[in-house]
């Protein structure tokens, strides 16, 4: 029996590019280098893959199973989406060194490929244009989130013009 560990590629390069902007920006050599640093990791149902607020030390590709994305709504965690085979999460936060914005919990037993953040950032030293593009995506996402937060926050004004003028 062969005891060497194999890391079979669960997806073609083209499938990876269709599922992740990060992979789409890399050439074939970059994709191959990235896959070489991937480590298989398994989670049992109910186990957290990552928690909101934690440092982003890696990003993940789900190769089997289902996980749910949870956000803190102020009234406890709420499920906002499900991740299945072929879903990536955590790329931008890992590359940008930001804390996790979401929690991801295994809904079923989940198999992943884990991409270590330090190794990914080192790989990006060879792809400065990709790093810059990903930073721009991160900035755009942050601006959109801030805009949505601002719209929600100021949707119902607390003070009316009549109250400011002293009209009751």
N, C-alpha and C. Protein backbone atom coordinates (compact mmCIF):
# COMPACT_ATOMS: atom_id res chain seq x y z
N UNK A 1 0.84 -1.18 0.00
CA UNK A 1 0.00 0.00 0.00
C UNK A 1 0.89 1.25 0.00
N UNK A 2 0.58 2.17 -0.88
CA UNK A 2 1.35 3.41 -1.00
C UNK A 2 0.96 4.35 0.13
N UNK A 3 1.93 4.69 0.97
CA UNK A 3 1.64 5.54 2.12
C UNK A 3 1.91 7.01 1.85
N UNK A 4 2.39 7.34 0.64
CA UNK A 4 2.62 8.75 0.34
C UNK A 4 1.28 9.46 0.23
N UNK A 5 1.28 10.67 0.70
CA UNK A 5 0.05 11.45 0.64
C UNK A 5 -0.03 12.14 -0.70
N UNK A 6 -1.15 12.02 -1.34
CA UNK A 6 -1.38 12.70 -2.61
C UNK A 6 -2.35 13.84 -2.35
N UNK A 7 -2.18 14.90 -3.08
CA UNK A 7 -3.09 16.03 -3.00
C UNK A 7 -3.75 16.16 -4.37
N UNK A 8 -4.74 15.28 -4.65
CA UNK A 8 -5.34 15.32 -5.97
C UNK A 8 -6.03 16.66 -6.20
N UNK A 9 -5.92 17.16 -7.41
CA UNK A 9 -6.56 18.42 -7.74
C UNK A 9 -8.04 18.14 -7.97
N UNK A 10 -8.90 18.69 -7.11
CA UNK A 10 -10.32 18.40 -7.21
C UNK A 10 -11.01 19.17 -8.33
N UNK A 11 -10.36 20.18 -8.88
CA UNK A 11 -10.95 21.02 -9.91
C UNK A 11 -9.90 21.33 -10.96
N UNK A 12 -10.35 21.62 -12.16
CA UNK A 12 -9.43 22.06 -13.20
C UNK A 12 -9.06 23.52 -12.94
N UNK A 13 -7.98 23.98 -13.55
CA UNK A 13 -7.58 25.38 -13.41
C UNK A 13 -8.70 26.30 -13.87
N UNK A 14 -9.36 25.94 -14.95
CA UNK A 14 -10.45 26.78 -15.47
C UNK A 14 -11.61 26.85 -14.48
N UNK A 15 -11.95 25.73 -13.85
CA UNK A 15 -13.02 25.74 -12.84
C UNK A 15 -12.64 26.63 -11.66
N UNK A 16 -11.38 26.57 -11.25
CA UNK A 16 -10.91 27.41 -10.15
C UNK A 16 -11.00 28.88 -10.53
N UNK A 17 -10.65 29.19 -11.75
CA UNK A 17 -10.71 30.58 -12.21
C UNK A 17 -12.15 31.09 -12.27
N UNK A 18 -13.08 30.22 -12.58
CA UNK A 18 -14.49 30.62 -12.64
C UNK A 18 -15.05 30.88 -11.24
N UNK A 19 -14.47 30.25 -10.23
CA UNK A 19 -15.01 30.34 -8.87
C UNK A 19 -14.31 31.39 -8.01
N UNK A 20 -13.11 31.83 -8.41
CA UNK A 20 -12.35 32.75 -7.58
C UNK A 20 -11.64 33.81 -8.42
N UNK A 21 -11.88 35.06 -8.07
CA UNK A 21 -11.20 36.17 -8.75
C UNK A 21 -9.68 36.03 -8.58
N UNK A 22 -9.25 35.59 -7.42
CA UNK A 22 -7.83 35.42 -7.16
C UNK A 22 -7.21 34.46 -8.17
N UNK A 23 -7.81 33.28 -8.34
CA UNK A 23 -7.29 32.31 -9.29
C UNK A 23 -7.41 32.85 -10.72
N UNK A 24 -8.47 33.60 -11.01
CA UNK A 24 -8.67 34.14 -12.36
C UNK A 24 -7.55 35.10 -12.75
N UNK A 25 -6.97 35.77 -11.78
CA UNK A 25 -5.91 36.75 -12.06
C UNK A 25 -4.54 36.11 -12.26
N UNK A 26 -4.39 34.86 -11.85
CA UNK A 26 -3.10 34.18 -11.94
C UNK A 26 -2.94 33.46 -13.27
N UNK A 27 -1.69 33.37 -13.75
CA UNK A 27 -1.41 32.54 -14.92
C UNK A 27 -1.35 31.08 -14.47
N UNK A 28 -1.17 30.17 -15.43
CA UNK A 28 -1.17 28.73 -15.10
C UNK A 28 -0.11 28.37 -14.08
N UNK A 29 1.08 28.96 -14.20
CA UNK A 29 2.15 28.68 -13.25
C UNK A 29 1.76 29.15 -11.85
N UNK A 30 1.14 30.31 -11.75
CA UNK A 30 0.69 30.82 -10.46
C UNK A 30 -0.36 29.92 -9.82
N UNK A 31 -1.30 29.43 -10.62
CA UNK A 31 -2.32 28.52 -10.11
C UNK A 31 -1.66 27.24 -9.60
N UNK A 32 -0.73 26.71 -10.38
CA UNK A 32 -0.03 25.48 -9.96
C UNK A 32 0.74 25.70 -8.67
N UNK A 33 1.43 26.84 -8.56
CA UNK A 33 2.17 27.15 -7.33
C UNK A 33 1.22 27.27 -6.14
N UNK A 34 0.09 27.90 -6.36
CA UNK A 34 -0.88 28.06 -5.28
C UNK A 34 -1.42 26.70 -4.83
N UNK A 35 -1.72 25.83 -5.79
CA UNK A 35 -2.23 24.50 -5.44
C UNK A 35 -1.19 23.67 -4.68
N UNK A 36 0.09 23.90 -4.94
CA UNK A 36 1.14 23.14 -4.25
C UNK A 36 1.21 23.47 -2.76
N UNK A 37 0.78 24.67 -2.39
CA UNK A 37 0.83 25.03 -0.96
C UNK A 37 -0.46 24.70 -0.23
N UNK A 38 -1.47 24.22 -0.96
CA UNK A 38 -2.75 23.88 -0.34
C UNK A 38 -2.62 22.63 0.52
N UNK A 39 -3.25 22.67 1.69
CA UNK A 39 -3.24 21.53 2.60
C UNK A 39 -4.67 21.06 2.84
N UNK A 40 -4.93 19.76 2.66
CA UNK A 40 -6.27 19.26 2.95
C UNK A 40 -6.58 19.41 4.45
N UNK A 41 -7.78 19.81 4.74
CA UNK A 41 -8.22 19.94 6.13
C UNK A 41 -9.69 19.55 6.20
N UNK A 42 -10.05 18.80 7.25
CA UNK A 42 -11.42 18.33 7.41
C UNK A 42 -12.03 18.91 8.69
N UNK A 43 -13.35 19.12 8.64
CA UNK A 43 -14.10 19.64 9.78
C UNK A 43 -15.35 18.79 9.95
N UNK A 44 -15.67 18.44 11.19
CA UNK A 44 -16.90 17.69 11.45
C UNK A 44 -18.08 18.65 11.50
N UNK A 45 -19.26 18.14 11.26
CA UNK A 45 -20.47 18.97 11.28
C UNK A 45 -20.55 19.72 12.61
N UNK A 46 -20.84 21.01 12.53
CA UNK A 46 -20.95 21.86 13.70
C UNK A 46 -19.67 22.57 14.10
N UNK A 47 -18.55 22.15 13.53
CA UNK A 47 -17.26 22.77 13.89
C UNK A 47 -17.08 24.07 13.12
N UNK A 48 -16.49 25.09 13.77
CA UNK A 48 -16.21 26.33 13.05
C UNK A 48 -14.99 26.18 12.15
N UNK A 49 -15.09 26.68 10.93
CA UNK A 49 -13.94 26.74 10.03
C UNK A 49 -13.17 28.02 10.32
N UNK A 50 -13.89 29.07 10.68
CA UNK A 50 -13.30 30.34 11.11
C UNK A 50 -14.36 31.14 11.85
N UNK A 51 -13.90 32.10 12.66
CA UNK A 51 -14.81 32.93 13.44
C UNK A 51 -14.60 34.41 13.12
N UNK A 52 -15.69 35.14 13.10
CA UNK A 52 -15.64 36.58 12.88
C UNK A 52 -14.72 37.24 13.90
N UNK A 53 -13.87 38.16 13.43
CA UNK A 53 -12.96 38.87 14.31
C UNK A 53 -11.61 38.22 14.45
N UNK A 54 -11.50 36.93 14.14
CA UNK A 54 -10.21 36.25 14.23
C UNK A 54 -9.28 36.74 13.12
N UNK A 55 -7.97 36.62 13.34
CA UNK A 55 -7.03 36.96 12.26
C UNK A 55 -7.26 36.04 11.06
N UNK A 56 -7.09 36.57 9.87
CA UNK A 56 -7.24 35.79 8.64
C UNK A 56 -5.90 35.18 8.28
N UNK A 57 -5.66 33.97 8.76
CA UNK A 57 -4.37 33.33 8.55
C UNK A 57 -4.37 32.38 7.35
N UNK A 58 -5.55 32.19 6.72
CA UNK A 58 -5.65 31.28 5.58
C UNK A 58 -6.97 31.52 4.87
N UNK A 59 -7.03 31.08 3.60
CA UNK A 59 -8.33 31.02 2.94
C UNK A 59 -8.58 29.58 2.53
N UNK A 60 -9.83 29.28 2.17
CA UNK A 60 -10.25 27.90 1.99
C UNK A 60 -11.02 27.70 0.68
N UNK A 61 -10.92 26.49 0.17
CA UNK A 61 -11.74 26.00 -0.93
C UNK A 61 -12.46 24.76 -0.39
N UNK A 62 -13.78 24.76 -0.46
CA UNK A 62 -14.53 23.59 -0.01
C UNK A 62 -14.53 22.56 -1.13
N UNK A 63 -14.03 21.36 -0.82
CA UNK A 63 -13.97 20.29 -1.81
C UNK A 63 -15.08 19.26 -1.61
N UNK A 64 -15.69 19.27 -0.42
CA UNK A 64 -16.82 18.36 -0.16
C UNK A 64 -17.57 18.87 1.06
N UNK A 65 -18.88 18.72 1.04
CA UNK A 65 -19.70 19.11 2.18
C UNK A 65 -20.31 20.49 2.03
N UNK A 66 -20.96 20.93 3.10
CA UNK A 66 -21.67 22.21 3.11
C UNK A 66 -21.35 22.94 4.41
N UNK A 67 -21.12 24.25 4.28
CA UNK A 67 -20.87 25.10 5.44
C UNK A 67 -21.79 26.31 5.34
N UNK A 68 -22.07 26.93 6.48
CA UNK A 68 -22.91 28.12 6.46
C UNK A 68 -22.11 29.34 6.90
N UNK A 69 -22.41 30.46 6.25
CA UNK A 69 -21.81 31.73 6.61
C UNK A 69 -22.72 32.38 7.64
N UNK A 70 -22.13 32.79 8.75
CA UNK A 70 -22.90 33.45 9.79
C UNK A 70 -22.31 34.83 10.05
N UNK A 71 -23.19 35.80 10.31
CA UNK A 71 -22.74 37.13 10.71
C UNK A 71 -23.42 37.47 12.03
N UNK A 72 -22.74 38.29 12.81
CA UNK A 72 -23.30 38.73 14.08
C UNK A 72 -24.27 39.86 13.78
N UNK A 73 -25.54 39.61 14.05
CA UNK A 73 -26.59 40.60 13.76
C UNK A 73 -26.87 41.50 14.95
N UNK A 74 -26.13 41.33 16.03
CA UNK A 74 -26.42 42.08 17.25
C UNK A 74 -27.42 41.33 18.12
N UNK A 75 -28.14 40.43 17.51
CA UNK A 75 -29.11 39.60 18.24
C UNK A 75 -28.70 38.13 18.12
N UNK A 76 -27.40 37.89 18.01
CA UNK A 76 -26.89 36.53 17.82
C UNK A 76 -26.50 36.34 16.37
N UNK A 77 -25.92 35.19 16.08
CA UNK A 77 -25.48 34.91 14.73
C UNK A 77 -26.66 34.56 13.84
N UNK A 78 -26.61 35.02 12.60
CA UNK A 78 -27.62 34.69 11.62
C UNK A 78 -26.96 34.12 10.39
N UNK A 79 -27.54 33.03 9.87
CA UNK A 79 -27.01 32.43 8.65
C UNK A 79 -27.41 33.29 7.47
N UNK A 80 -26.43 33.66 6.65
CA UNK A 80 -26.71 34.51 5.50
C UNK A 80 -26.52 33.80 4.17
N UNK A 81 -25.79 32.69 4.18
CA UNK A 81 -25.55 31.97 2.93
C UNK A 81 -24.95 30.61 3.25
N UNK A 82 -24.97 29.74 2.25
CA UNK A 82 -24.35 28.42 2.39
C UNK A 82 -23.25 28.28 1.34
N UNK A 83 -22.20 27.60 1.72
CA UNK A 83 -21.07 27.32 0.85
C UNK A 83 -21.05 25.83 0.56
N UNK A 84 -20.85 25.47 -0.69
CA UNK A 84 -20.81 24.07 -1.09
C UNK A 84 -19.53 23.80 -1.88
N UNK A 85 -19.42 22.60 -2.39
CA UNK A 85 -18.25 22.19 -3.17
C UNK A 85 -17.92 23.25 -4.22
N UNK A 86 -16.66 23.67 -4.22
CA UNK A 86 -16.21 24.67 -5.18
C UNK A 86 -16.24 26.09 -4.66
N UNK A 87 -16.77 26.30 -3.46
CA UNK A 87 -16.83 27.65 -2.89
C UNK A 87 -15.52 28.00 -2.21
N UNK A 88 -15.08 29.22 -2.43
CA UNK A 88 -13.92 29.79 -1.75
C UNK A 88 -14.42 30.76 -0.71
N UNK A 89 -13.64 30.94 0.35
CA UNK A 89 -13.91 32.04 1.27
C UNK A 89 -12.62 32.45 1.97
N UNK A 90 -12.56 33.77 2.25
CA UNK A 90 -11.44 34.30 3.01
C UNK A 90 -10.24 34.78 2.22
N UNK A 91 -10.32 34.78 0.87
CA UNK A 91 -9.14 35.15 0.08
C UNK A 91 -8.70 36.58 0.36
N UNK A 92 -9.61 37.52 0.22
CA UNK A 92 -9.22 38.93 0.35
C UNK A 92 -8.75 39.27 1.76
N UNK A 93 -9.47 38.82 2.76
CA UNK A 93 -9.06 39.12 4.14
C UNK A 93 -7.68 38.54 4.42
N UNK A 94 -7.42 37.35 3.91
CA UNK A 94 -6.13 36.71 4.12
C UNK A 94 -5.01 37.48 3.41
N UNK A 95 -5.24 37.86 2.18
CA UNK A 95 -4.23 38.57 1.41
C UNK A 95 -3.98 39.96 1.98
N UNK A 96 -5.07 40.62 2.43
CA UNK A 96 -4.95 41.98 2.94
C UNK A 96 -4.59 42.03 4.42
N UNK A 97 -4.59 40.87 5.08
CA UNK A 97 -4.26 40.82 6.50
C UNK A 97 -5.33 41.40 7.40
N UNK A 98 -6.57 41.36 6.95
CA UNK A 98 -7.70 41.89 7.73
C UNK A 98 -8.29 40.80 8.61
N UNK A 99 -8.94 41.18 9.71
CA UNK A 99 -9.63 40.18 10.53
C UNK A 99 -10.84 39.62 9.77
N UNK A 100 -11.25 38.44 10.16
CA UNK A 100 -12.41 37.81 9.53
C UNK A 100 -13.66 38.66 9.74
N UNK A 101 -14.45 38.83 8.69
CA UNK A 101 -15.70 39.58 8.78
C UNK A 101 -16.88 38.66 9.02
N UNK A 102 -16.68 37.36 8.81
CA UNK A 102 -17.75 36.38 8.93
C UNK A 102 -17.27 35.18 9.74
N UNK A 103 -18.23 34.41 10.20
CA UNK A 103 -17.95 33.08 10.76
C UNK A 103 -18.44 32.06 9.74
N UNK A 104 -17.71 30.96 9.62
CA UNK A 104 -18.13 29.87 8.76
C UNK A 104 -18.15 28.61 9.60
N UNK A 105 -19.29 27.91 9.58
CA UNK A 105 -19.49 26.72 10.40
C UNK A 105 -19.87 25.56 9.50
N UNK A 106 -19.27 24.39 9.75
CA UNK A 106 -19.59 23.19 8.96
C UNK A 106 -21.03 22.77 9.24
N UNK A 107 -21.82 22.71 8.20
CA UNK A 107 -23.21 22.25 8.33
C UNK A 107 -23.24 20.72 8.25
N UNK A 108 -22.39 20.16 7.40
CA UNK A 108 -22.17 18.72 7.31
C UNK A 108 -20.67 18.53 7.54
N UNK A 109 -20.19 17.31 7.50
CA UNK A 109 -18.74 17.12 7.50
C UNK A 109 -18.21 17.82 6.25
N UNK A 110 -17.12 18.56 6.40
CA UNK A 110 -16.59 19.38 5.30
C UNK A 110 -15.12 19.05 5.07
N UNK A 111 -14.78 18.89 3.80
CA UNK A 111 -13.38 18.75 3.39
C UNK A 111 -12.99 20.04 2.66
N UNK A 112 -11.80 20.54 2.97
CA UNK A 112 -11.33 21.78 2.35
C UNK A 112 -9.90 21.64 1.88
N UNK A 113 -9.50 22.59 1.07
CA UNK A 113 -8.09 22.85 0.84
C UNK A 113 -7.82 24.17 1.55
N UNK A 114 -6.80 24.18 2.41
CA UNK A 114 -6.44 25.37 3.18
C UNK A 114 -5.19 25.99 2.56
N UNK A 115 -5.27 27.30 2.28
CA UNK A 115 -4.16 28.03 1.68
C UNK A 115 -3.60 28.97 2.73
N UNK A 116 -2.42 28.64 3.26
CA UNK A 116 -1.79 29.41 4.32
C UNK A 116 -1.50 30.84 3.87
N UNK A 117 -1.90 31.81 4.69
CA UNK A 117 -1.77 33.21 4.34
C UNK A 117 -0.34 33.66 4.09
N UNK A 118 0.60 33.26 4.94
CA UNK A 118 1.99 33.68 4.75
C UNK A 118 2.55 33.16 3.43
N UNK A 119 2.23 31.91 3.12
CA UNK A 119 2.72 31.33 1.87
C UNK A 119 2.07 32.00 0.66
N UNK A 120 0.78 32.32 0.78
CA UNK A 120 0.07 33.00 -0.31
C UNK A 120 0.66 34.38 -0.54
N UNK A 121 0.88 35.13 0.54
CA UNK A 121 1.45 36.48 0.41
C UNK A 121 2.86 36.41 -0.19
N UNK A 122 3.63 35.39 0.18
CA UNK A 122 4.98 35.23 -0.39
C UNK A 122 4.87 34.92 -1.89
N UNK A 123 3.92 34.10 -2.27
CA UNK A 123 3.71 33.79 -3.68
C UNK A 123 3.34 35.05 -4.46
N UNK A 124 2.56 35.93 -3.83
CA UNK A 124 2.13 37.16 -4.49
C UNK A 124 3.28 38.14 -4.71
N UNK A 125 4.40 37.93 -4.04
CA UNK A 125 5.57 38.77 -4.30
C UNK A 125 5.99 38.64 -5.76
N UNK A 126 5.68 37.49 -6.38
CA UNK A 126 5.99 37.27 -7.79
C UNK A 126 4.90 37.80 -8.71
N UNK A 127 3.80 38.26 -8.13
CA UNK A 127 2.65 38.75 -8.91
C UNK A 127 2.15 40.07 -8.33
N UNK A 128 2.98 41.13 -8.38
CA UNK A 128 2.57 42.40 -7.77
C UNK A 128 1.30 42.99 -8.39
N UNK A 129 1.09 42.77 -9.69
CA UNK A 129 -0.11 43.30 -10.33
C UNK A 129 -1.37 42.59 -9.81
N UNK A 130 -1.26 41.33 -9.49
CA UNK A 130 -2.39 40.59 -8.92
C UNK A 130 -2.67 41.11 -7.52
N UNK A 131 -1.64 41.28 -6.72
CA UNK A 131 -1.81 41.82 -5.37
C UNK A 131 -2.51 43.18 -5.42
N UNK A 132 -2.05 44.06 -6.32
CA UNK A 132 -2.63 45.40 -6.43
C UNK A 132 -4.11 45.32 -6.82
N UNK A 133 -4.43 44.44 -7.75
CA UNK A 133 -5.82 44.29 -8.18
C UNK A 133 -6.69 43.79 -7.02
N UNK A 134 -6.17 42.84 -6.26
CA UNK A 134 -6.93 42.33 -5.12
C UNK A 134 -7.11 43.39 -4.04
N UNK A 135 -6.11 44.23 -3.84
CA UNK A 135 -6.24 45.34 -2.89
C UNK A 135 -7.35 46.28 -3.36
N UNK A 136 -7.40 46.57 -4.66
CA UNK A 136 -8.44 47.44 -5.20
C UNK A 136 -9.83 46.82 -5.00
N UNK A 137 -9.94 45.51 -5.18
CA UNK A 137 -11.21 44.84 -4.93
C UNK A 137 -11.60 44.98 -3.46
N UNK A 138 -10.63 44.79 -2.58
CA UNK A 138 -10.89 44.93 -1.14
C UNK A 138 -11.36 46.33 -0.78
N UNK A 139 -10.73 47.34 -1.37
CA UNK A 139 -11.13 48.72 -1.11
C UNK A 139 -12.55 48.96 -1.62
N UNK A 140 -12.85 48.48 -2.81
CA UNK A 140 -14.20 48.66 -3.38
C UNK A 140 -15.25 47.99 -2.50
N UNK A 141 -14.95 46.79 -2.01
CA UNK A 141 -15.90 46.09 -1.12
C UNK A 141 -16.10 46.87 0.18
N UNK A 142 -15.02 47.41 0.72
CA UNK A 142 -15.12 48.19 1.96
C UNK A 142 -15.94 49.45 1.75
N UNK A 143 -15.72 50.11 0.63
CA UNK A 143 -16.49 51.32 0.33
C UNK A 143 -17.97 51.00 0.16
N UNK A 144 -18.27 49.90 -0.51
CA UNK A 144 -19.67 49.49 -0.69
C UNK A 144 -20.31 49.17 0.66
N UNK A 145 -19.59 48.46 1.51
CA UNK A 145 -20.13 48.12 2.83
C UNK A 145 -20.38 49.38 3.65
N UNK A 146 -19.45 50.33 3.58
CA UNK A 146 -19.62 51.59 4.31
C UNK A 146 -20.81 52.38 3.76
N UNK A 147 -20.96 52.39 2.45
CA UNK A 147 -22.09 53.08 1.83
C UNK A 147 -23.41 52.47 2.27
N UNK A 148 -23.48 51.12 2.28
CA UNK A 148 -24.71 50.45 2.72
C UNK A 148 -24.99 50.74 4.18
N UNK A 149 -23.95 50.74 5.01
CA UNK A 149 -24.12 51.03 6.43
C UNK A 149 -24.62 52.46 6.62
N UNK A 150 -24.04 53.39 5.88
CA UNK A 150 -24.43 54.79 5.98
C UNK A 150 -25.87 54.98 5.53
N UNK A 151 -26.26 54.33 4.44
CA UNK A 151 -27.64 54.43 3.97
C UNK A 151 -28.61 53.91 5.00
N UNK A 152 -28.29 52.77 5.62
CA UNK A 152 -29.15 52.20 6.65
C UNK A 152 -29.22 53.10 7.87
N UNK A 153 -28.07 53.66 8.25
CA UNK A 153 -27.99 54.46 9.46
C UNK A 153 -28.77 55.77 9.33
N UNK A 154 -28.79 56.34 8.13
CA UNK A 154 -29.43 57.63 7.94
C UNK A 154 -30.75 57.54 7.18
N UNK A 155 -31.29 56.35 7.06
CA UNK A 155 -32.55 56.17 6.33
C UNK A 155 -33.71 56.87 7.04
N UNK A 156 -33.74 56.85 8.35
CA UNK A 156 -34.79 57.49 9.12
C UNK A 156 -34.17 58.61 9.95
N UNK A 157 -34.28 59.84 9.50
CA UNK A 157 -33.67 60.93 10.26
C UNK A 157 -34.27 61.04 11.64
N UNK A 158 -33.40 61.33 12.60
CA UNK A 158 -33.85 61.44 13.98
C UNK A 158 -34.42 62.83 14.27
N UNK A 159 -33.99 63.82 13.52
CA UNK A 159 -34.44 65.18 13.73
C UNK A 159 -35.07 65.69 12.46
N UNK A 160 -36.26 66.25 12.56
CA UNK A 160 -36.91 66.81 11.39
C UNK A 160 -36.60 68.29 11.28
N UNK A 161 -36.83 68.84 10.13
CA UNK A 161 -36.60 70.26 9.91
C UNK A 161 -37.46 71.09 10.85
N UNK A 162 -38.69 70.65 11.07
CA UNK A 162 -39.60 71.40 11.95
C UNK A 162 -39.04 71.46 13.37
N UNK A 163 -38.42 70.36 13.82
CA UNK A 163 -37.84 70.36 15.17
C UNK A 163 -36.66 71.30 15.26
N UNK A 164 -35.87 71.41 14.21
CA UNK A 164 -34.72 72.30 14.21
C UNK A 164 -35.17 73.75 14.23
N UNK A 165 -36.24 74.06 13.47
CA UNK A 165 -36.74 75.43 13.40
C UNK A 165 -37.51 75.82 14.66
N UNK A 166 -37.81 74.88 15.51
CA UNK A 166 -38.55 75.18 16.72
C UNK A 166 -40.05 75.09 16.52
N UNK A 167 -40.52 74.66 15.34
CA UNK A 167 -41.95 74.50 15.11
C UNK A 167 -42.41 73.19 15.73
N UNK A 168 -43.42 73.24 16.52
CA UNK A 168 -43.95 72.02 17.14
C UNK A 168 -45.31 71.70 16.63
